[in-house]
PDB file of N, CA and C in Angstrom:
ATOM      1  N   UNK A   1      61.582  77.005  78.358  1.00  0.00           N
ATOM      2  CA  UNK A   1      60.768  76.405  79.387  1.00  0.00           C
ATOM      3  C   UNK A   1      61.571  76.138  80.648  1.00  0.00           C
ATOM      4  N   UNK A   2      62.854  76.326  80.546  1.00  0.00           N
ATOM      5  CA  UNK A   2      63.681  76.078  81.721  1.00  0.00           C
ATOM      6  C   UNK A   2      63.276  76.997  82.873  1.00  0.00           C
ATOM      7  N   UNK A   3      62.776  78.203  82.537  1.00  0.00           N
ATOM      8  CA  UNK A   3      62.406  79.113  83.622  1.00  0.00           C
ATOM      9  C   UNK A   3      61.217  78.605  84.424  1.00  0.00           C
ATOM     10  N   UNK A   4      60.348  77.810  83.818  1.00  0.00           N
ATOM     11  CA  UNK A   4      59.221  77.238  84.565  1.00  0.00           C
ATOM     12  C   UNK A   4      59.752  76.223  85.573  1.00  0.00           C
ATOM     13  N   UNK A   5      60.648  75.362  85.129  1.00  0.00           N
ATOM     14  CA  UNK A   5      61.221  74.360  86.034  1.00  0.00           C
ATOM     15  C   UNK A   5      61.994  75.036  87.160  1.00  0.00           C
ATOM     16  N   UNK A   6      62.752  76.065  86.836  1.00  0.00           N
ATOM     17  CA  UNK A   6      63.511  76.796  87.854  1.00  0.00           C
ATOM     18  C   UNK A   6      62.568  77.489  88.826  1.00  0.00           C
ATOM     19  N   UNK A   7      61.528  78.099  88.320  1.00  0.00           N
ATOM     20  CA  UNK A   7      60.549  78.775  89.166  1.00  0.00           C
ATOM     21  C   UNK A   7      59.866  77.779  90.100  1.00  0.00           C
ATOM     22  N   UNK A   8      59.518  76.638  89.562  1.00  0.00           N
ATOM     23  CA  UNK A   8      58.869  75.600  90.377  1.00  0.00           C
ATOM     24  C   UNK A   8      59.809  75.144  91.499  1.00  0.00           C
ATOM     25  N   UNK A   9      61.070  74.920  91.180  1.00  0.00           N
ATOM     26  CA  UNK A   9      62.034  74.479  92.189  1.00  0.00           C
ATOM     27  C   UNK A   9      62.296  75.569  93.233  1.00  0.00           C
ATOM     28  N   UNK A  10      62.339  76.808  92.806  1.00  0.00           N
ATOM     29  CA  UNK A  10      62.513  77.919  93.755  1.00  0.00           C
ATOM     30  C   UNK A  10      61.339  77.982  94.731  1.00  0.00           C
ATOM     31  N   UNK A  11      60.135  77.768  94.228  1.00  0.00           N
ATOM     32  CA  UNK A  11      58.956  77.782  95.093  1.00  0.00           C
ATOM     33  C   UNK A  11      59.048  76.649  96.116  1.00  0.00           C
ATOM     34  N   UNK A  12      59.395  75.454  95.665  1.00  0.00           N
ATOM     35  CA  UNK A  12      59.508  74.311  96.571  1.00  0.00           C
ATOM     36  C   UNK A  12      60.575  74.579  97.626  1.00  0.00           C
ATOM     37  N   UNK A  13      61.710  75.119  97.223  1.00  0.00           N
ATOM     38  CA  UNK A  13      62.794  75.431  98.162  1.00  0.00           C
ATOM     39  C   UNK A  13      62.324  76.450  99.197  1.00  0.00           C
ATOM     40  N   UNK A  14      61.609  77.471  98.757  1.00  0.00           N
ATOM     41  CA  UNK A  14      61.120  78.516  99.655  1.00  0.00           C
ATOM     42  C   UNK A  14      60.138  77.935 100.665  1.00  0.00           C
ATOM     43  N   UNK A  15      59.223  77.090 100.215  1.00  0.00           N
ATOM     44  CA  UNK A  15      58.249  76.464 101.111  1.00  0.00           C
ATOM     45  C   UNK A  15      58.967  75.636 102.171  1.00  0.00           C
ATOM     46  N   UNK A  16      59.977  74.894 101.764  1.00  0.00           N
ATOM     47  CA  UNK A  16      60.739  74.083 102.717  1.00  0.00           C
ATOM     48  C   UNK A  16      61.453  74.960 103.738  1.00  0.00           C
ATOM     49  N   UNK A  17      61.953  76.110 103.321  1.00  0.00           N
ATOM     50  CA  UNK A  17      62.603  77.043 104.255  1.00  0.00           C
ATOM     51  C   UNK A  17      61.601  77.578 105.273  1.00  0.00           C
ATOM     52  N   UNK A  18      60.409  77.886 104.829  1.00  0.00           N
ATOM     53  CA  UNK A  18      59.365  78.383 105.740  1.00  0.00           C
ATOM     54  C   UNK A  18      59.014  77.298 106.754  1.00  0.00           C
ATOM     55  N   UNK A  19      58.796  76.087 106.282  1.00  0.00           N
ATOM     56  CA  UNK A  19      58.445  74.984 107.179  1.00  0.00           C
ATOM     57  C   UNK A  19      59.567  74.726 108.190  1.00  0.00           C
ATOM     58  N   UNK A  20      60.811  74.743 107.729  1.00  0.00           N
ATOM     59  CA  UNK A  20      61.949  74.502 108.627  1.00  0.00           C
ATOM     60  C   UNK A  20      62.055  75.600 109.681  1.00  0.00           C
ATOM     61  N   UNK A  21      61.856  76.835 109.277  1.00  0.00           N
ATOM     62  CA  UNK A  21      61.923  77.949 110.237  1.00  0.00           C
ATOM     63  C   UNK A  21      60.837  77.801 111.293  1.00  0.00           C
ATOM     64  N   UNK A  22      59.641  77.462 110.878  1.00  0.00           N
ATOM     65  CA  UNK A  22      58.542  77.302 111.828  1.00  0.00           C
ATOM     66  C   UNK A  22      58.791  76.132 112.777  1.00  0.00           C
ATOM     67  N   UNK A  23      59.358  75.059 112.274  1.00  0.00           N
ATOM     68  CA  UNK A  23      59.652  73.911 113.118  1.00  0.00           C
ATOM     69  C   UNK A  23      60.700  74.247 114.175  1.00  0.00           C
ATOM     70  N   UNK A  24      61.574  75.189 113.861  1.00  0.00           N
ATOM     71  CA  UNK A  24      62.597  75.623 114.813  1.00  0.00           C
ATOM     72  C   UNK A  24      62.085  76.712 115.737  1.00  0.00           C
ATOM     73  N   UNK A  25      60.831  77.118 115.543  1.00  0.00           N
ATOM     74  CA  UNK A  25      60.256  78.163 116.381  1.00  0.00           C
ATOM     75  C   UNK A  25      60.630  79.566 115.956  1.00  0.00           C
ATOM     76  N   UNK A  26      61.154  79.700 114.761  1.00  0.00           N
ATOM     77  CA  UNK A  26      61.521  81.018 114.243  1.00  0.00           C
ATOM     78  C   UNK A  26      60.427  81.501 113.308  1.00  0.00           C
ATOM     79  N   UNK A  27      60.194  82.784 113.334  1.00  0.00           N
ATOM     80  CA  UNK A  27      59.188  83.365 112.443  1.00  0.00           C
ATOM     81  C   UNK A  27      59.894  83.970 111.232  1.00  0.00           C
ATOM     82  N   UNK A  28      59.674  83.382 110.070  1.00  0.00           N
ATOM     83  CA  UNK A  28      60.333  83.892 108.865  1.00  0.00           C
ATOM     84  C   UNK A  28      59.709  85.199 108.401  1.00  0.00           C
ATOM     85  N   UNK A  29      60.508  85.977 107.715  1.00  0.00           N
ATOM     86  CA  UNK A  29      59.990  87.174 107.061  1.00  0.00           C
ATOM     87  C   UNK A  29      59.314  86.730 105.778  1.00  0.00           C
ATOM     88  N   UNK A  30      58.115  87.208 105.587  1.00  0.00           N
ATOM     89  CA  UNK A  30      57.369  86.817 104.401  1.00  0.00           C
ATOM     90  C   UNK A  30      57.384  87.940 103.377  1.00  0.00           C
ATOM     91  N   UNK A  31      57.723  87.578 102.162  1.00  0.00           N
ATOM     92  CA  UNK A  31      57.597  88.519 101.050  1.00  0.00           C
ATOM     93  C   UNK A  31      56.134  88.519 100.628  1.00  0.00           C
ATOM     94  N   UNK A  32      55.687  89.646 100.086  1.00  0.00           N
ATOM     95  CA  UNK A  32      54.321  89.597  99.560  1.00  0.00           C
ATOM     96  C   UNK A  32      54.346  88.844  98.234  1.00  0.00           C
ATOM     97  N   UNK A  33      53.197  88.556  97.709  1.00  0.00           N
ATOM     98  CA  UNK A  33      53.105  87.670  96.552  1.00  0.00           C
ATOM     99  C   UNK A  33      53.766  88.235  95.298  1.00  0.00           C
ATOM    100  N   UNK A  34      54.006  89.524  95.238  1.00  0.00           N
ATOM    101  CA  UNK A  34      54.676  90.107  94.070  1.00  0.00           C
ATOM    102  C   UNK A  34      56.200  90.064  94.193  1.00  0.00           C
ATOM    103  N   UNK A  35      56.696  89.920  95.422  1.00  0.00           N
ATOM    104  CA  UNK A  35      58.137  90.010  95.649  1.00  0.00           C
ATOM    105  C   UNK A  35      58.846  88.665  95.759  1.00  0.00           C
ATOM    106  N   UNK A  36      58.110  87.577  95.901  1.00  0.00           N
ATOM    107  CA  UNK A  36      58.760  86.273  95.951  1.00  0.00           C
ATOM    108  C   UNK A  36      59.153  85.874  94.527  1.00  0.00           C
ATOM    109  N   UNK A  37      59.933  84.825  94.401  1.00  0.00           N
ATOM    110  CA  UNK A  37      60.420  84.413  93.081  1.00  0.00           C
ATOM    111  C   UNK A  37      59.287  84.049  92.126  1.00  0.00           C
ATOM    112  N   UNK A  38      58.286  83.336  92.620  1.00  0.00           N
ATOM    113  CA  UNK A  38      57.159  82.984  91.753  1.00  0.00           C
ATOM    114  C   UNK A  38      56.396  84.228  91.318  1.00  0.00           C
ATOM    115  N   UNK A  39      56.181  85.155  92.244  1.00  0.00           N
ATOM    116  CA  UNK A  39      55.493  86.402  91.908  1.00  0.00           C
ATOM    117  C   UNK A  39      56.255  87.219  90.885  1.00  0.00           C
ATOM    118  N   UNK A  40      57.564  87.290  91.049  1.00  0.00           N
ATOM    119  CA  UNK A  40      58.398  88.018  90.080  1.00  0.00           C
ATOM    120  C   UNK A  40      58.319  87.353  88.710  1.00  0.00           C
ATOM    121  N   UNK A  41      58.396  86.021  88.707  1.00  0.00           N
ATOM    122  CA  UNK A  41      58.327  85.308  87.441  1.00  0.00           C
ATOM    123  C   UNK A  41      56.984  85.547  86.757  1.00  0.00           C
ATOM    124  N   UNK A  42      55.892  85.490  87.538  1.00  0.00           N
ATOM    125  CA  UNK A  42      54.565  85.735  86.958  1.00  0.00           C
ATOM    126  C   UNK A  42      54.499  87.117  86.326  1.00  0.00           C
ATOM    127  N   UNK A  43      54.985  88.131  87.038  1.00  0.00           N
ATOM    128  CA  UNK A  43      54.908  89.508  86.541  1.00  0.00           C
ATOM    129  C   UNK A  43      55.860  89.778  85.378  1.00  0.00           C
ATOM    130  N   UNK A  44      57.078  89.226  85.455  1.00  0.00           N
ATOM    131  CA  UNK A  44      58.096  89.564  84.472  1.00  0.00           C
ATOM    132  C   UNK A  44      58.060  88.692  83.224  1.00  0.00           C
ATOM    133  N   UNK A  45      57.646  87.431  83.378  1.00  0.00           N
ATOM    134  CA  UNK A  45      57.704  86.525  82.232  1.00  0.00           C
ATOM    135  C   UNK A  45      56.437  85.708  82.036  1.00  0.00           C
ATOM    136  N   UNK A  46      55.989  85.084  83.091  1.00  0.00           N
ATOM    137  CA  UNK A  46      54.916  84.102  82.996  1.00  0.00           C
ATOM    138  C   UNK A  46      53.677  84.576  82.280  1.00  0.00           C
ATOM    139  N   UNK A  47      53.106  85.678  82.750  1.00  0.00           N
ATOM    140  CA  UNK A  47      51.858  86.161  82.137  1.00  0.00           C
ATOM    141  C   UNK A  47      52.076  86.609  80.702  1.00  0.00           C
ATOM    142  N   UNK A  48      53.223  87.207  80.417  1.00  0.00           N
ATOM    143  CA  UNK A  48      53.492  87.702  79.068  1.00  0.00           C
ATOM    144  C   UNK A  48      53.702  86.554  78.084  1.00  0.00           C
ATOM    145  N   UNK A  49      54.495  85.570  78.496  1.00  0.00           N
ATOM    146  CA  UNK A  49      54.824  84.468  77.588  1.00  0.00           C
ATOM    147  C   UNK A  49      53.724  83.417  77.494  1.00  0.00           C
ATOM    148  N   UNK A  50      53.068  83.152  78.619  1.00  0.00           N
ATOM    149  CA  UNK A  50      52.184  81.997  78.684  1.00  0.00           C
ATOM    150  C   UNK A  50      50.755  82.336  79.083  1.00  0.00           C
ATOM    151  N   UNK A  51      50.439  83.591  79.167  1.00  0.00           N
ATOM    152  CA  UNK A  51      49.111  84.015  79.598  1.00  0.00           C
ATOM    153  C   UNK A  51      47.982  83.507  78.713  1.00  0.00           C
ATOM    154  N   UNK A  52      48.295  83.157  77.484  1.00  0.00           N
ATOM    155  CA  UNK A  52      47.283  82.642  76.551  1.00  0.00           C
ATOM    156  C   UNK A  52      46.877  81.198  76.868  1.00  0.00           C
ATOM    157  N   UNK A  53      47.647  80.516  77.681  1.00  0.00           N
ATOM    158  CA  UNK A  53      47.338  79.127  78.011  1.00  0.00           C
ATOM    159  C   UNK A  53      46.293  79.054  79.111  1.00  0.00           C
ATOM    160  N   UNK A  54      45.310  78.188  78.922  1.00  0.00           N
ATOM    161  CA  UNK A  54      44.272  78.054  79.951  1.00  0.00           C
ATOM    162  C   UNK A  54      44.869  77.584  81.265  1.00  0.00           C
ATOM    163  N   UNK A  55      45.976  76.840  81.201  1.00  0.00           N
ATOM    164  CA  UNK A  55      46.626  76.355  82.410  1.00  0.00           C
ATOM    165  C   UNK A  55      47.218  77.488  83.253  1.00  0.00           C
ATOM    166  N   UNK A  56      47.493  78.615  82.627  1.00  0.00           N
ATOM    167  CA  UNK A  56      48.034  79.775  83.358  1.00  0.00           C
ATOM    168  C   UNK A  56      46.931  80.570  84.041  1.00  0.00           C
ATOM    169  N   UNK A  57      45.737  80.476  83.501  1.00  0.00           N
ATOM    170  CA  UNK A  57      44.639  81.259  84.052  1.00  0.00           C
ATOM    171  C   UNK A  57      44.333  80.755  85.453  1.00  0.00           C
ATOM    172  N   UNK A  58      44.302  81.622  86.363  1.00  0.00           N
ATOM    173  CA  UNK A  58      44.043  81.258  87.748  1.00  0.00           C
ATOM    174  C   UNK A  58      45.301  81.071  88.569  1.00  0.00           C
ATOM    175  N   UNK A  59      46.451  80.951  87.906  1.00  0.00           N
ATOM    176  CA  UNK A  59      47.698  80.752  88.641  1.00  0.00           C
ATOM    177  C   UNK A  59      48.013  81.947  89.545  1.00  0.00           C
ATOM    178  N   UNK A  60      47.803  83.146  89.020  1.00  0.00           N
ATOM    179  CA  UNK A  60      48.089  84.336  89.817  1.00  0.00           C
ATOM    180  C   UNK A  60      47.181  84.399  91.052  1.00  0.00           C
ATOM    181  N   UNK A  61      45.904  84.082  90.871  1.00  0.00           N
ATOM    182  CA  UNK A  61      44.972  84.102  92.003  1.00  0.00           C
ATOM    183  C   UNK A  61      45.329  83.027  93.030  1.00  0.00           C
ATOM    184  N   UNK A  62      45.677  81.832  92.558  1.00  0.00           N
ATOM    185  CA  UNK A  62      46.102  80.767  93.474  1.00  0.00           C
ATOM    186  C   UNK A  62      47.349  81.182  94.241  1.00  0.00           C
ATOM    187  N   UNK A  63      48.242  81.874  93.563  1.00  0.00           N
ATOM    188  CA  UNK A  63      49.468  82.346  94.193  1.00  0.00           C
ATOM    189  C   UNK A  63      49.155  83.375  95.278  1.00  0.00           C
ATOM    190  N   UNK A  64      48.239  84.268  94.998  1.00  0.00           N
ATOM    191  CA  UNK A  64      47.816  85.278  95.972  1.00  0.00           C
ATOM    192  C   UNK A  64      47.179  84.602  97.197  1.00  0.00           C
ATOM    193  N   UNK A  65      46.316  83.626  96.961  1.00  0.00           N
ATOM    194  CA  UNK A  65      45.683  82.886  98.056  1.00  0.00           C
ATOM    195  C   UNK A  65      46.725  82.160  98.902  1.00  0.00           C
ATOM    196  N   UNK A  66      47.725  81.590  98.239  1.00  0.00           N
ATOM    197  CA  UNK A  66      48.804  80.898  98.947  1.00  0.00           C
ATOM    198  C   UNK A  66      49.505  81.850  99.922  1.00  0.00           C
ATOM    199  N   UNK A  67      49.794  83.064  99.465  1.00  0.00           N
ATOM    200  CA  UNK A  67      50.464  84.033 100.345  1.00  0.00           C
ATOM    201  C   UNK A  67      49.556  84.485 101.486  1.00  0.00           C
ATOM    202  N   UNK A  68      48.272  84.583 101.236  1.00  0.00           N
ATOM    203  CA  UNK A  68      47.338  84.912 102.325  1.00  0.00           C
ATOM    204  C   UNK A  68      47.356  83.815 103.384  1.00  0.00           C
ATOM    205  N   UNK A  69      47.377  82.577 102.944  1.00  0.00           N
ATOM    206  CA  UNK A  69      47.458  81.453 103.876  1.00  0.00           C
ATOM    207  C   UNK A  69      48.771  81.499 104.648  1.00  0.00           C
ATOM    208  N   UNK A  70      49.865  81.798 103.955  1.00  0.00           N
ATOM    209  CA  UNK A  70      51.168  81.892 104.616  1.00  0.00           C
ATOM    210  C   UNK A  70      51.157  82.997 105.674  1.00  0.00           C
ATOM    211  N   UNK A  71      50.564  84.123 105.356  1.00  0.00           N
ATOM    212  CA  UNK A  71      50.472  85.219 106.332  1.00  0.00           C
ATOM    213  C   UNK A  71      49.661  84.799 107.558  1.00  0.00           C
ATOM    214  N   UNK A  72      48.541  84.114 107.322  1.00  0.00           N
ATOM    215  CA  UNK A  72      47.718  83.636 108.439  1.00  0.00           C
ATOM    216  C   UNK A  72      48.492  82.629 109.281  1.00  0.00           C
ATOM    217  N   UNK A  73      49.247  81.768 108.634  1.00  0.00           N
ATOM    218  CA  UNK A  73      50.055  80.779 109.337  1.00  0.00           C
ATOM    219  C   UNK A  73      51.070  81.459 110.259  1.00  0.00           C
ATOM    220  N   UNK A  74      51.749  82.456 109.758  1.00  0.00           N
ATOM    221  CA  UNK A  74      52.746  83.188 110.556  1.00  0.00           C
ATOM    222  C   UNK A  74      52.068  83.860 111.746  1.00  0.00           C
ATOM    223  N   UNK A  75      50.912  84.482 111.525  1.00  0.00           N
ATOM    224  CA  UNK A  75      50.194  85.147 112.624  1.00  0.00           C
ATOM    225  C   UNK A  75      49.794  84.152 113.708  1.00  0.00           C
ATOM    226  N   UNK A  76      49.347  82.979 113.294  1.00  0.00           N
ATOM    227  CA  UNK A  76      48.983  81.955 114.282  1.00  0.00           C
ATOM    228  C   UNK A  76      50.194  81.551 115.118  1.00  0.00           C
ATOM    229  N   UNK A  77      51.347  81.399 114.473  1.00  0.00           N
ATOM    230  CA  UNK A  77      52.567  81.080 115.219  1.00  0.00           C
ATOM    231  C   UNK A  77      52.959  82.232 116.132  1.00  0.00           C
ATOM    232  N   UNK A  78      52.850  83.457 115.629  1.00  0.00           N
ATOM    233  CA  UNK A  78      53.170  84.627 116.462  1.00  0.00           C
ATOM    234  C   UNK A  78      52.319  84.651 117.721  1.00  0.00           C
ATOM    235  N   UNK A  79      51.059  84.304 117.580  1.00  0.00           N
ATOM    236  CA  UNK A  79      50.114  84.313 118.703  1.00  0.00           C
ATOM    237  C   UNK A  79      50.141  83.003 119.498  1.00  0.00           C
ATOM    238  N   UNK A  80      51.054  82.125 119.140  1.00  0.00           N
ATOM    239  CA  UNK A  80      51.220  80.826 119.819  1.00  0.00           C
ATOM    240  C   UNK A  80      49.951  79.981 119.809  1.00  0.00           C
ATOM    241  N   UNK A  81      49.207  80.129 118.750  1.00  0.00           N
ATOM    242  CA  UNK A  81      48.003  79.333 118.554  1.00  0.00           C
ATOM    243  C   UNK A  81      48.402  78.110 117.723  1.00  0.00           C
ATOM    244  N   UNK A  82      49.119  77.186 118.354  1.00  0.00           N
ATOM    245  CA  UNK A  82      49.774  76.101 117.643  1.00  0.00           C
ATOM    246  C   UNK A  82      48.807  75.070 117.057  1.00  0.00           C
ATOM    247  N   UNK A  83      47.686  74.833 117.702  1.00  0.00           N
ATOM    248  CA  UNK A  83      46.723  73.878 117.148  1.00  0.00           C
ATOM    249  C   UNK A  83      46.167  74.389 115.822  1.00  0.00           C
ATOM    250  N   UNK A  84      45.774  75.648 115.803  1.00  0.00           N
ATOM    251  CA  UNK A  84      45.258  76.238 114.556  1.00  0.00           C
ATOM    252  C   UNK A  84      46.373  76.367 113.521  1.00  0.00           C
ATOM    253  N   UNK A  85      47.582  76.644 113.978  1.00  0.00           N
ATOM    254  CA  UNK A  85      48.717  76.764 113.066  1.00  0.00           C
ATOM    255  C   UNK A  85      48.994  75.434 112.375  1.00  0.00           C
ATOM    256  N   UNK A  86      48.854  74.343 113.111  1.00  0.00           N
ATOM    257  CA  UNK A  86      49.075  73.016 112.520  1.00  0.00           C
ATOM    258  C   UNK A  86      48.062  72.760 111.408  1.00  0.00           C
ATOM    259  N   UNK A  87      46.826  73.147 111.622  1.00  0.00           N
ATOM    260  CA  UNK A  87      45.793  73.006 110.591  1.00  0.00           C
ATOM    261  C   UNK A  87      46.119  73.893 109.395  1.00  0.00           C
ATOM    262  N   UNK A  88      46.529  75.113 109.675  1.00  0.00           N
ATOM    263  CA  UNK A  88      46.866  76.051 108.604  1.00  0.00           C
ATOM    264  C   UNK A  88      48.104  75.586 107.837  1.00  0.00           C
ATOM    265  N   UNK A  89      49.021  74.932 108.515  1.00  0.00           N
ATOM    266  CA  UNK A  89      50.208  74.412 107.853  1.00  0.00           C
ATOM    267  C   UNK A  89      49.825  73.353 106.813  1.00  0.00           C
ATOM    268  N   UNK A  90      48.832  72.551 107.108  1.00  0.00           N
ATOM    269  CA  UNK A  90      48.345  71.574 106.121  1.00  0.00           C
ATOM    270  C   UNK A  90      47.761  72.283 104.898  1.00  0.00           C
ATOM    271  N   UNK A  91      47.024  73.363 105.128  1.00  0.00           N
ATOM    272  CA  UNK A  91      46.464  74.153 104.019  1.00  0.00           C
ATOM    273  C   UNK A  91      47.588  74.785 103.199  1.00  0.00           C
ATOM    274  N   UNK A  92      48.585  75.306 103.874  1.00  0.00           N
ATOM    275  CA  UNK A  92      49.769  75.901 103.243  1.00  0.00           C
ATOM    276  C   UNK A  92      50.432  74.879 102.316  1.00  0.00           C
ATOM    277  N   UNK A  93      50.612  73.672 102.792  1.00  0.00           N
ATOM    278  CA  UNK A  93      51.233  72.620 101.983  1.00  0.00           C
ATOM    279  C   UNK A  93      50.352  72.247 100.788  1.00  0.00           C
ATOM    280  N   UNK A  94      49.056  72.141 101.017  1.00  0.00           N
ATOM    281  CA  UNK A  94      48.138  71.793  99.922  1.00  0.00           C
ATOM    282  C   UNK A  94      48.172  72.859  98.834  1.00  0.00           C
ATOM    283  N   UNK A  95      48.111  74.116  99.246  1.00  0.00           N
ATOM    284  CA  UNK A  95      48.130  75.203  98.263  1.00  0.00           C
ATOM    285  C   UNK A  95      49.456  75.255  97.517  1.00  0.00           C
ATOM    286  N   UNK A  96      50.535  74.942  98.211  1.00  0.00           N
ATOM    287  CA  UNK A  96      51.838  74.884  97.551  1.00  0.00           C
ATOM    288  C   UNK A  96      51.838  73.799  96.478  1.00  0.00           C
ATOM    289  N   UNK A  97      51.300  72.633  96.812  1.00  0.00           N
ATOM    290  CA  UNK A  97      51.222  71.549  95.830  1.00  0.00           C
ATOM    291  C   UNK A  97      50.357  71.943  94.638  1.00  0.00           C
ATOM    292  N   UNK A  98      49.284  72.685  94.897  1.00  0.00           N
ATOM    293  CA  UNK A  98      48.431  73.166  93.805  1.00  0.00           C
ATOM    294  C   UNK A  98      49.220  74.069  92.856  1.00  0.00           C
ATOM    295  N   UNK A  99      50.036  74.945  93.416  1.00  0.00           N
ATOM    296  CA  UNK A  99      50.846  75.844  92.580  1.00  0.00           C
ATOM    297  C   UNK A  99      51.862  75.057  91.757  1.00  0.00           C
ATOM    298  N   UNK A 100      52.515  74.102  92.384  1.00  0.00           N
ATOM    299  CA  UNK A 100      53.485  73.272  91.672  1.00  0.00           C
ATOM    300  C   UNK A 100      52.788  72.509  90.548  1.00  0.00           C
ATOM    301  N   UNK A 101      51.606  71.987  90.836  1.00  0.00           N
ATOM    302  CA  UNK A 101      50.839  71.270  89.814  1.00  0.00           C
ATOM    303  C   UNK A 101      50.507  72.189  88.640  1.00  0.00           C
ATOM    304  N   UNK A 102      50.045  73.389  88.921  1.00  0.00           N
ATOM    305  CA  UNK A 102      49.692  74.319  87.841  1.00  0.00           C
ATOM    306  C   UNK A 102      50.912  74.667  86.989  1.00  0.00           C
ATOM    307  N   UNK A 103      52.040  74.903  87.628  1.00  0.00           N
ATOM    308  CA  UNK A 103      53.266  75.184  86.871  1.00  0.00           C
ATOM    309  C   UNK A 103      53.662  73.977  86.009  1.00  0.00           C
ATOM    310  N   UNK A 104      53.511  72.790  86.552  1.00  0.00           N
ATOM    311  CA  UNK A 104      53.831  71.578  85.807  1.00  0.00           C
ATOM    312  C   UNK A 104      52.900  71.427  84.609  1.00  0.00           C
ATOM    313  N   UNK A 105      51.635  71.752  84.788  1.00  0.00           N
ATOM    314  CA  UNK A 105      50.678  71.668  83.692  1.00  0.00           C
ATOM    315  C   UNK A 105      50.998  72.674  82.589  1.00  0.00           C
ATOM    316  N   UNK A 106      51.453  73.870  82.963  1.00  0.00           N
ATOM    317  CA  UNK A 106      51.869  74.854  81.955  1.00  0.00           C
ATOM    318  C   UNK A 106      53.039  74.280  81.158  1.00  0.00           C
ATOM    319  N   UNK A 107      54.005  73.718  81.869  1.00  0.00           N
ATOM    320  CA  UNK A 107      55.168  73.138  81.207  1.00  0.00           C
ATOM    321  C   UNK A 107      54.762  71.977  80.291  1.00  0.00           C
ATOM    322  N   UNK A 108      53.884  71.119  80.778  1.00  0.00           N
ATOM    323  CA  UNK A 108      53.391  69.996  79.975  1.00  0.00           C
ATOM    324  C   UNK A 108      52.693  70.490  78.714  1.00  0.00           C
ATOM    325  N   UNK A 109      51.851  71.487  78.873  1.00  0.00           N
ATOM    326  CA  UNK A 109      51.107  72.052  77.734  1.00  0.00           C
ATOM    327  C   UNK A 109      52.061  72.625  76.699  1.00  0.00           C
ATOM    328  N   UNK A 110      53.094  73.321  77.151  1.00  0.00           N
ATOM    329  CA  UNK A 110      54.069  73.889  76.216  1.00  0.00           C
ATOM    330  C   UNK A 110      54.830  72.792  75.485  1.00  0.00           C
ATOM    331  N   UNK A 111      55.183  71.726  76.190  1.00  0.00           N
ATOM    332  CA  UNK A 111      55.842  70.596  75.537  1.00  0.00           C
ATOM    333  C   UNK A 111      54.937  69.991  74.481  1.00  0.00           C
ATOM    334  N   UNK A 112      53.661  69.894  74.793  1.00  0.00           N
ATOM    335  CA  UNK A 112      52.687  69.343  73.865  1.00  0.00           C
ATOM    336  C   UNK A 112      52.574  70.212  72.611  1.00  0.00           C
ATOM    337  N   UNK A 113      52.537  71.527  72.799  1.00  0.00           N
ATOM    338  CA  UNK A 113      52.415  72.479  71.692  1.00  0.00           C
ATOM    339  C   UNK A 113      53.662  72.453  70.808  1.00  0.00           C
ATOM    340  N   UNK A 114      54.833  72.345  71.450  1.00  0.00           N
ATOM    341  CA  UNK A 114      56.100  72.446  70.719  1.00  0.00           C
ATOM    342  C   UNK A 114      56.590  71.121  70.167  1.00  0.00           C
ATOM    343  N   UNK A 115      55.917  70.030  70.454  1.00  0.00           N
ATOM    344  CA  UNK A 115      56.318  68.728  69.928  1.00  0.00           C
ATOM    345  C   UNK A 115      55.845  68.580  68.487  1.00  0.00           C
ATOM    346  N   UNK A 116      56.663  67.946  67.654  1.00  0.00           N
ATOM    347  CA  UNK A 116      56.262  67.747  66.255  1.00  0.00           C
ATOM    348  C   UNK A 116      55.133  66.750  66.118  1.00  0.00           C
TER     349      UNK A 116
END
């Protein structure tokens, strides 16, 4: 289960890097949802090991939506539409928290299953 905790922390670190870059006026390069650490984990381990858990269902779709929001956020910054970007940044943060919550629930469920 350590990989879930590591994946969750990698996602949080990545989100903070994106926010910091935007605050500095820099446009970060965005990986698509399959190439970021969470996407790789979902494809390589997550779905195979934990796909049977109801808590995993929908995680991939939420992750895809998160990246769509991130792409829209970057475009708004590129176009200097800062008011809309600020609104989109709130959505970006909310979706990130949703992903972290889902990963935490998977971890909680596994602890529950594996406890005597």
